[in-house]
Amino acid sequence: MSFQTDSLPLASFLFTTKRLKFLGCEPEGSRLVFVFDDPESVGESLQISFESGAECPAAAFYDSVRHLRRIMTRVQNRSNEHGFNQAR
């Protein structure tokens, strides 16, 4: 089972805390989603925790944002090369 989100801040939090294994970023319609392995179905509860103010190290969070943005850019470029998501 997987957990998906199109929220960069939430994905960065999940990536930083390593509570779920990051599987990748992929186009879904006109947006990109971050996909995490969620064998125990805890993604939604982690999202609620994040939205309620869960903490993680700021420097690691910032690094995760930068890393995931680079991944997003690569996926967007690859999608555009193949003719997907042209209406963005």
C-alpha atoms as a PDB file:
ATOM      1  CA  MET A   1       0.000   0.000   0.000  1.00  0.00           C
ATOM      2  CA  SER A   2       1.185   3.522  -0.677  1.00  0.00           C
ATOM      3  CA  PHE A   3       0.466   7.023   0.558  1.00  0.00           C
ATOM      4  CA  GLN A   4       0.407   9.871  -1.976  1.00  0.00           C
ATOM      5  CA  THR A   5       0.403  13.607  -1.551  1.00  0.00           C
ATOM      6  CA  ASP A   6       0.811  16.603  -3.825  1.00  0.00           C
ATOM      7  CA  SER A   7       1.890  18.746  -0.850  1.00  0.00           C
ATOM      8  CA  LEU A   8       5.606  19.548  -0.956  1.00  0.00           C
ATOM      9  CA  PRO A   9       5.701  20.541   2.751  1.00  0.00           C
ATOM     10  CA  LEU A  10       4.033  17.288   3.838  1.00  0.00           C
ATOM     11  CA  ALA A  11       6.248  15.222   1.539  1.00  0.00           C
ATOM     12  CA  SER A  12       9.307  17.020   2.923  1.00  0.00           C
ATOM     13  CA  PHE A  13       8.186  16.258   6.479  1.00  0.00           C
ATOM     14  CA  LEU A  14       7.677  12.581   5.649  1.00  0.00           C
ATOM     15  CA  PHE A  15      11.020  12.465   3.839  1.00  0.00           C
ATOM     16  CA  THR A  16      12.779  14.153   6.765  1.00  0.00           C
ATOM     17  CA  THR A  17      11.288  11.994   9.497  1.00  0.00           C
ATOM     18  CA  LYS A  18      11.744   8.780   7.463  1.00  0.00           C
ATOM     19  CA  ARG A  19       8.508   7.395   8.921  1.00  0.00           C
ATOM     20  CA  LEU A  20       7.558   6.262   5.410  1.00  0.00           C
ATOM     21  CA  LYS A  21       9.936   5.179   2.665  1.00  0.00           C
ATOM     22  CA  PHE A  22       9.993   7.575  -0.284  1.00  0.00           C
ATOM     23  CA  LEU A  23       9.244   5.750  -3.523  1.00  0.00           C
ATOM     24  CA  GLY A  24       9.278   8.635  -5.967  1.00  0.00           C
ATOM     25  CA  CYS A  25       7.414  11.437  -7.644  1.00  0.00           C
ATOM     26  CA  GLU A  26       5.087  10.909 -10.575  1.00  0.00           C
ATOM     27  CA  PRO A  27       2.635  12.823 -12.720  1.00  0.00           C
ATOM     28  CA  GLU A  28      -1.022  12.372 -11.914  1.00  0.00           C
ATOM     29  CA  GLY A  29      -3.236  14.331 -14.242  1.00  0.00           C
ATOM     30  CA  SER A  30      -2.060  17.926 -14.273  1.00  0.00           C
ATOM     31  CA  ARG A  31      -0.090  17.686 -11.029  1.00  0.00           C
ATOM     32  CA  LEU A  32       2.768  15.757  -9.478  1.00  0.00           C
ATOM     33  CA  VAL A  33       2.368  13.480  -6.490  1.00  0.00           C
ATOM     34  CA  PHE A  34       4.945  12.188  -4.052  1.00  0.00           C
ATOM     35  CA  VAL A  35       4.576   8.478  -3.351  1.00  0.00           C
ATOM     36  CA  PHE A  36       5.593   6.807  -0.101  1.00  0.00           C
ATOM     37  CA  ASP A  37       5.502   3.156   0.909  1.00  0.00           C
ATOM     38  CA  ASP A  38       2.831   2.863   3.609  1.00  0.00           C
ATOM     39  CA  PRO A  39       2.440  -0.821   4.527  1.00  0.00           C
ATOM     40  CA  GLU A  40       0.876   0.012   7.909  1.00  0.00           C
ATOM     41  CA  SER A  41      -1.526   2.671   6.522  1.00  0.00           C
ATOM     42  CA  VAL A  42      -0.216   5.423   8.791  1.00  0.00           C
ATOM     43  CA  GLY A  43       0.097   8.112   6.096  1.00  0.00           C
ATOM     44  CA  GLU A  44      -3.141   9.879   6.940  1.00  0.00           C
ATOM     45  CA  SER A  45      -2.342   9.969  10.663  1.00  0.00           C
ATOM     46  CA  LEU A  46       1.114  11.357   9.888  1.00  0.00           C
ATOM     47  CA  GLN A  47      -0.543  14.014   7.731  1.00  0.00           C
ATOM     48  CA  ILE A  48      -2.829  14.976  10.612  1.00  0.00           C
ATOM     49  CA  SER A  49       0.168  15.077  12.931  1.00  0.00           C
ATOM     50  CA  PHE A  50       2.044  17.328  10.485  1.00  0.00           C
ATOM     51  CA  GLU A  51      -0.943  19.644  10.100  1.00  0.00           C
ATOM     52  CA  SER A  52      -1.240  19.804  13.907  1.00  0.00           C
ATOM     53  CA  GLY A  53       2.318  21.056  14.298  1.00  0.00           C
ATOM     54  CA  ALA A  54       4.569  18.005  14.460  1.00  0.00           C
ATOM     55  CA  GLU A  55       8.215  18.974  14.607  1.00  0.00           C
ATOM     56  CA  CYS A  56      11.311  17.857  12.775  1.00  0.00           C
ATOM     57  CA  PRO A  57      14.829  19.300  12.458  1.00  0.00           C
ATOM     58  CA  ALA A  58      14.650  22.531  10.456  1.00  0.00           C
ATOM     59  CA  ALA A  59      17.893  22.041   8.525  1.00  0.00           C
ATOM     60  CA  ALA A  60      16.904  18.512   7.504  1.00  0.00           C
ATOM     61  CA  PHE A  61      13.437  19.744   6.483  1.00  0.00           C
ATOM     62  CA  TYR A  62      14.999  22.472   4.332  1.00  0.00           C
ATOM     63  CA  ASP A  63      17.333  19.925   2.700  1.00  0.00           C
ATOM     64  CA  SER A  64      14.332  17.676   2.002  1.00  0.00           C
ATOM     65  CA  VAL A  65      12.435  20.541   0.346  1.00  0.00           C
ATOM     66  CA  ARG A  66      15.406  21.257  -1.903  1.00  0.00           C
ATOM     67  CA  HIS A  67      15.898  17.571  -2.746  1.00  0.00           C
ATOM     68  CA  LEU A  68      12.218  16.963  -3.544  1.00  0.00           C
ATOM     69  CA  ARG A  69      12.057  20.113  -5.688  1.00  0.00           C
ATOM     70  CA  ARG A  70      14.942  18.785  -7.786  1.00  0.00           C
ATOM     71  CA  ILE A  71      13.076  15.511  -8.196  1.00  0.00           C
ATOM     72  CA  MET A  72       9.907  17.409  -9.155  1.00  0.00           C
ATOM     73  CA  THR A  73      11.801  19.354 -11.801  1.00  0.00           C
ATOM     74  CA  ARG A  74      13.251  16.168 -13.316  1.00  0.00           C
ATOM     75  CA  VAL A  75       9.824  14.505 -13.411  1.00  0.00           C
ATOM     76  CA  GLN A  76       8.210  17.616 -14.935  1.00  0.00           C
ATOM     77  CA  ASN A  77      10.918  17.849 -17.583  1.00  0.00           C
ATOM     78  CA  ARG A  78      10.614  14.165 -18.409  1.00  0.00           C
ATOM     79  CA  SER A  79       6.815  14.453 -18.585  1.00  0.00           C
ATOM     80  CA  ASN A  80       7.036  17.476 -20.865  1.00  0.00           C
ATOM     81  CA  GLU A  81       9.465  15.645 -23.146  1.00  0.00           C
ATOM     82  CA  HIS A  82       6.917  12.860 -23.517  1.00  0.00           C
ATOM     83  CA  GLY A  83       3.998  15.234 -24.082  1.00  0.00           C
ATOM     84  CA  PHE A  84       2.284  14.835 -20.701  1.00  0.00           C
ATOM     85  CA  ASN A  85       0.867  17.687 -18.637  1.00  0.00           C
ATOM     86  CA  GLN A  86       1.100  20.273 -21.391  1.00  0.00           C
ATOM     87  CA  ALA A  87      -1.865  22.181 -19.912  1.00  0.00           C
ATOM     88  CA  ARG A  88      -0.048  23.072 -16.694  1.00  0.00           C
END
